[in-house]
């Protein structure tokens, strides 16, 4: 399979069954929360999961499924951003969140949090929280729809 077809294939898998989002880790003792870009997918077939890891890196684990084991691919931070960057032009459903993850990565690279353990500037936390919230809404729109 040539490289472009492989990218399109992986994008199709992730677009349909994958997760593009941001994990929020609460800060200890009032310190800064930590935000982590994530791309994940679980499926019963191991070969596509290995293909994704082979192209990008990341981690594979196996979970007990109801009838068959599930193979899970996970990437975070820079690797998740690389997945987004490489597959963006092929993504349809997950395109919005992939763009948010890329925006988050760029923001992280341009605003390093020096003196870890100290409070970050409010505008840094606000921007990251907005990215986190928007991804969450995109992943579960039915929870955020207004009812009349």
C-alpha atoms as a PDB file:
ATOM      1  CA  UNK A   1       0.000   0.000   0.000  1.00  0.00           C
ATOM      2  CA  UNK A   2       1.530   3.344  -0.971  1.00  0.00           C
ATOM      3  CA  UNK A   3       1.965   6.032   1.680  1.00  0.00           C
ATOM      4  CA  UNK A   4      -0.920   8.311   0.593  1.00  0.00           C
ATOM      5  CA  UNK A   5      -3.377   5.421   0.464  1.00  0.00           C
ATOM      6  CA  UNK A   6      -2.178   4.305   3.905  1.00  0.00           C
ATOM      7  CA  UNK A   7      -2.727   7.816   5.293  1.00  0.00           C
ATOM      8  CA  UNK A   8      -6.232   7.954   3.803  1.00  0.00           C
ATOM      9  CA  UNK A   9      -7.024   4.492   5.184  1.00  0.00           C
ATOM     10  CA  UNK A  10      -5.824   5.402   8.696  1.00  0.00           C
ATOM     11  CA  UNK A  11      -7.688   8.708   8.536  1.00  0.00           C
ATOM     12  CA  UNK A  12     -10.868   6.857   7.591  1.00  0.00           C
ATOM     13  CA  UNK A  13     -10.502   4.520  10.565  1.00  0.00           C
ATOM     14  CA  UNK A  14      -9.846   7.368  12.978  1.00  0.00           C
ATOM     15  CA  UNK A  15     -12.546   9.571  11.439  1.00  0.00           C
ATOM     16  CA  UNK A  16     -15.155   6.866  11.957  1.00  0.00           C
ATOM     17  CA  UNK A  17     -14.085   5.104  15.139  1.00  0.00           C
ATOM     18  CA  UNK A  18     -11.341   7.223  16.691  1.00  0.00           C
ATOM     19  CA  UNK A  19     -11.204   9.894  19.345  1.00  0.00           C
ATOM     20  CA  UNK A  20      -9.516  13.282  18.974  1.00  0.00           C
ATOM     21  CA  UNK A  21      -9.627  15.228  22.206  1.00  0.00           C
ATOM     22  CA  UNK A  22      -7.860  16.869  25.107  1.00  0.00           C
ATOM     23  CA  UNK A  23      -7.394  15.308  28.522  1.00  0.00           C
ATOM     24  CA  UNK A  24      -7.346  17.636  31.491  1.00  0.00           C
ATOM     25  CA  UNK A  25      -5.281  16.699  34.524  1.00  0.00           C
ATOM     26  CA  UNK A  26      -6.131  18.676  37.621  1.00  0.00           C
ATOM     27  CA  UNK A  27      -3.231  20.506  39.193  1.00  0.00           C
ATOM     28  CA  UNK A  28      -2.071  19.484  42.662  1.00  0.00           C
ATOM     29  CA  UNK A  29      -2.601  21.911  45.548  1.00  0.00           C
ATOM     30  CA  UNK A  30      -4.045  24.625  43.339  1.00  0.00           C
ATOM     31  CA  UNK A  31      -1.285  24.443  40.737  1.00  0.00           C
ATOM     32  CA  UNK A  32      -1.885  24.634  37.004  1.00  0.00           C
ATOM     33  CA  UNK A  33      -4.092  22.053  35.351  1.00  0.00           C
ATOM     34  CA  UNK A  34      -2.301  20.161  32.585  1.00  0.00           C
ATOM     35  CA  UNK A  35      -3.871  19.705  29.153  1.00  0.00           C
ATOM     36  CA  UNK A  36      -2.819  16.856  26.888  1.00  0.00           C
ATOM     37  CA  UNK A  37      -3.768  16.326  23.237  1.00  0.00           C
ATOM     38  CA  UNK A  38      -4.941  12.758  22.559  1.00  0.00           C
ATOM     39  CA  UNK A  39      -5.742  10.524  19.594  1.00  0.00           C
ATOM     40  CA  UNK A  40      -7.146   7.049  20.343  1.00  0.00           C
ATOM     41  CA  UNK A  41      -8.885   4.153  18.653  1.00  0.00           C
ATOM     42  CA  UNK A  42      -9.931   0.665  19.766  1.00  0.00           C
ATOM     43  CA  UNK A  43     -10.828  -2.223  17.501  1.00  0.00           C
ATOM     44  CA  UNK A  44     -10.823  -6.005  17.386  1.00  0.00           C
ATOM     45  CA  UNK A  45      -8.417  -6.154  14.440  1.00  0.00           C
ATOM     46  CA  UNK A  46      -4.786  -5.779  15.484  1.00  0.00           C
ATOM     47  CA  UNK A  47      -3.238  -5.121  12.043  1.00  0.00           C
ATOM     48  CA  UNK A  48      -4.665  -1.591  11.514  1.00  0.00           C
ATOM     49  CA  UNK A  49      -3.670  -0.639  15.063  1.00  0.00           C
ATOM     50  CA  UNK A  50      -0.101  -1.774  14.365  1.00  0.00           C
ATOM     51  CA  UNK A  51      -0.172   0.180  11.097  1.00  0.00           C
ATOM     52  CA  UNK A  52      -1.063   3.400  12.952  1.00  0.00           C
ATOM     53  CA  UNK A  53       1.678   2.846  15.530  1.00  0.00           C
ATOM     54  CA  UNK A  54       4.141   2.037  12.761  1.00  0.00           C
ATOM     55  CA  UNK A  55       3.416   5.315  11.010  1.00  0.00           C
ATOM     56  CA  UNK A  56       3.347   7.623  14.055  1.00  0.00           C
ATOM     57  CA  UNK A  57       4.616   5.907  17.186  1.00  0.00           C
ATOM     58  CA  UNK A  58       2.423   5.932  20.276  1.00  0.00           C
ATOM     59  CA  UNK A  59       1.245   3.026  22.392  1.00  0.00           C
ATOM     60  CA  UNK A  60      -0.736  -0.153  21.853  1.00  0.00           C
ATOM     61  CA  UNK A  61      -2.528  -2.022  24.596  1.00  0.00           C
ATOM     62  CA  UNK A  62      -5.000  -4.885  24.679  1.00  0.00           C
ATOM     63  CA  UNK A  63      -8.282  -4.764  26.556  1.00  0.00           C
ATOM     64  CA  UNK A  64     -10.776  -7.475  27.272  1.00  0.00           C
ATOM     65  CA  UNK A  65     -13.724  -7.118  24.952  1.00  0.00           C
ATOM     66  CA  UNK A  66     -17.153  -8.659  25.370  1.00  0.00           C
ATOM     67  CA  UNK A  67     -16.413 -11.468  22.922  1.00  0.00           C
ATOM     68  CA  UNK A  68     -12.936 -10.715  21.570  1.00  0.00           C
ATOM     69  CA  UNK A  69      -9.993  -8.711  22.821  1.00  0.00           C
ATOM     70  CA  UNK A  70      -9.807  -5.060  21.762  1.00  0.00           C
ATOM     71  CA  UNK A  71      -6.557  -3.548  20.555  1.00  0.00           C
ATOM     72  CA  UNK A  72      -6.163   0.084  21.541  1.00  0.00           C
ATOM     73  CA  UNK A  73      -3.906   2.699  19.988  1.00  0.00           C
ATOM     74  CA  UNK A  74      -3.136   5.851  21.984  1.00  0.00           C
ATOM     75  CA  UNK A  75      -0.975   8.847  21.306  1.00  0.00           C
ATOM     76  CA  UNK A  76      -0.643  12.101  23.182  1.00  0.00           C
ATOM     77  CA  UNK A  77       0.994  15.503  23.042  1.00  0.00           C
ATOM     78  CA  UNK A  78       3.483  15.847  20.148  1.00  0.00           C
ATOM     79  CA  UNK A  79       2.693  12.436  18.642  1.00  0.00           C
ATOM     80  CA  UNK A  80      -1.062  13.139  18.687  1.00  0.00           C
ATOM     81  CA  UNK A  81      -0.371  16.486  17.012  1.00  0.00           C
ATOM     82  CA  UNK A  82       1.710  14.746  14.355  1.00  0.00           C
ATOM     83  CA  UNK A  83      -1.202  12.379  13.676  1.00  0.00           C
ATOM     84  CA  UNK A  84      -3.485  15.408  13.248  1.00  0.00           C
ATOM     85  CA  UNK A  85      -1.036  17.271  11.030  1.00  0.00           C
ATOM     86  CA  UNK A  86      -0.421  14.282   8.767  1.00  0.00           C
ATOM     87  CA  UNK A  87      -4.066  13.216   8.404  1.00  0.00           C
ATOM     88  CA  UNK A  88      -5.870  16.584   8.526  1.00  0.00           C
ATOM     89  CA  UNK A  89      -6.613  16.800   4.800  1.00  0.00           C
ATOM     90  CA  UNK A  90      -8.312  13.373   4.912  1.00  0.00           C
ATOM     91  CA  UNK A  91     -10.437  13.924   8.034  1.00  0.00           C
ATOM     92  CA  UNK A  92     -14.089  14.897   7.691  1.00  0.00           C
ATOM     93  CA  UNK A  93     -15.908  14.198  10.977  1.00  0.00           C
ATOM     94  CA  UNK A  94     -12.911  14.718  13.266  1.00  0.00           C
ATOM     95  CA  UNK A  95     -11.437  17.624  11.281  1.00  0.00           C
ATOM     96  CA  UNK A  96     -12.600  20.290  13.770  1.00  0.00           C
ATOM     97  CA  UNK A  97     -11.025  18.573  16.742  1.00  0.00           C
ATOM     98  CA  UNK A  98      -7.823  17.813  14.841  1.00  0.00           C
ATOM     99  CA  UNK A  99      -7.508  21.551  14.135  1.00  0.00           C
ATOM    100  CA  UNK A 100      -8.106  22.355  17.814  1.00  0.00           C
ATOM    101  CA  UNK A 101      -5.399  19.867  18.839  1.00  0.00           C
ATOM    102  CA  UNK A 102      -2.983  21.502  16.398  1.00  0.00           C
ATOM    103  CA  UNK A 103      -3.880  24.950  17.747  1.00  0.00           C
ATOM    104  CA  UNK A 104      -3.274  23.687  21.288  1.00  0.00           C
ATOM    105  CA  UNK A 105       0.127  22.248  20.332  1.00  0.00           C
ATOM    106  CA  UNK A 106       1.179  25.524  18.694  1.00  0.00           C
ATOM    107  CA  UNK A 107       0.056  27.434  21.776  1.00  0.00           C
ATOM    108  CA  UNK A 108       2.029  25.099  24.050  1.00  0.00           C
ATOM    109  CA  UNK A 109       5.164  25.529  21.961  1.00  0.00           C
ATOM    110  CA  UNK A 110       4.811  29.322  22.018  1.00  0.00           C
ATOM    111  CA  UNK A 111       3.948  29.634  25.731  1.00  0.00           C
ATOM    112  CA  UNK A 112       6.169  27.371  27.766  1.00  0.00           C
ATOM    113  CA  UNK A 113       5.230  27.265  31.414  1.00  0.00           C
ATOM    114  CA  UNK A 114       8.478  28.163  33.106  1.00  0.00           C
ATOM    115  CA  UNK A 115       8.881  27.556  36.806  1.00  0.00           C
ATOM    116  CA  UNK A 116       6.604  24.533  36.895  1.00  0.00           C
ATOM    117  CA  UNK A 117       4.612  24.436  40.095  1.00  0.00           C
ATOM    118  CA  UNK A 118       3.807  28.143  39.978  1.00  0.00           C
ATOM    119  CA  UNK A 119       0.561  29.588  38.709  1.00  0.00           C
ATOM    120  CA  UNK A 120       0.371  30.185  34.965  1.00  0.00           C
ATOM    121  CA  UNK A 121      -0.962  33.423  33.579  1.00  0.00           C
ATOM    122  CA  UNK A 122      -4.763  33.342  33.432  1.00  0.00           C
ATOM    123  CA  UNK A 123      -4.833  33.895  29.654  1.00  0.00           C
ATOM    124  CA  UNK A 124      -2.764  30.718  29.109  1.00  0.00           C
ATOM    125  CA  UNK A 125      -5.098  28.604  31.234  1.00  0.00           C
ATOM    126  CA  UNK A 126      -8.172  30.269  29.665  1.00  0.00           C
ATOM    127  CA  UNK A 127      -6.995  29.460  26.118  1.00  0.00           C
ATOM    128  CA  UNK A 128      -6.258  25.818  26.966  1.00  0.00           C
ATOM    129  CA  UNK A 129      -9.544  25.442  28.838  1.00  0.00           C
ATOM    130  CA  UNK A 130     -11.427  26.810  25.792  1.00  0.00           C
ATOM    131  CA  UNK A 131      -9.716  24.246  23.545  1.00  0.00           C
ATOM    132  CA  UNK A 132     -10.550  21.471  26.026  1.00  0.00           C
ATOM    133  CA  UNK A 133     -14.200  22.551  26.278  1.00  0.00           C
ATOM    134  CA  UNK A 134     -14.656  22.890  22.519  1.00  0.00           C
ATOM    135  CA  UNK A 135     -13.250  19.390  21.885  1.00  0.00           C
ATOM    136  CA  UNK A 136     -15.539  18.016  24.565  1.00  0.00           C
ATOM    137  CA  UNK A 137     -18.557  19.681  22.922  1.00  0.00           C
ATOM    138  CA  UNK A 138     -17.569  18.414  19.479  1.00  0.00           C
ATOM    139  CA  UNK A 139     -17.197  14.862  20.810  1.00  0.00           C
ATOM    140  CA  UNK A 140     -20.597  14.902  22.580  1.00  0.00           C
ATOM    141  CA  UNK A 141     -22.772  17.481  20.810  1.00  0.00           C
ATOM    142  CA  UNK A 142     -26.001  15.918  22.095  1.00  0.00           C
ATOM    143  CA  UNK A 143     -24.999  16.870  25.650  1.00  0.00           C
ATOM    144  CA  UNK A 144     -24.649  20.521  24.699  1.00  0.00           C
ATOM    145  CA  UNK A 145     -27.616  21.039  22.365  1.00  0.00           C
ATOM    146  CA  UNK A 146     -30.157  23.576  23.515  1.00  0.00           C
ATOM    147  CA  UNK A 147     -33.636  22.230  23.973  1.00  0.00           C
ATOM    148  CA  UNK A 148     -36.671  24.407  23.380  1.00  0.00           C
END
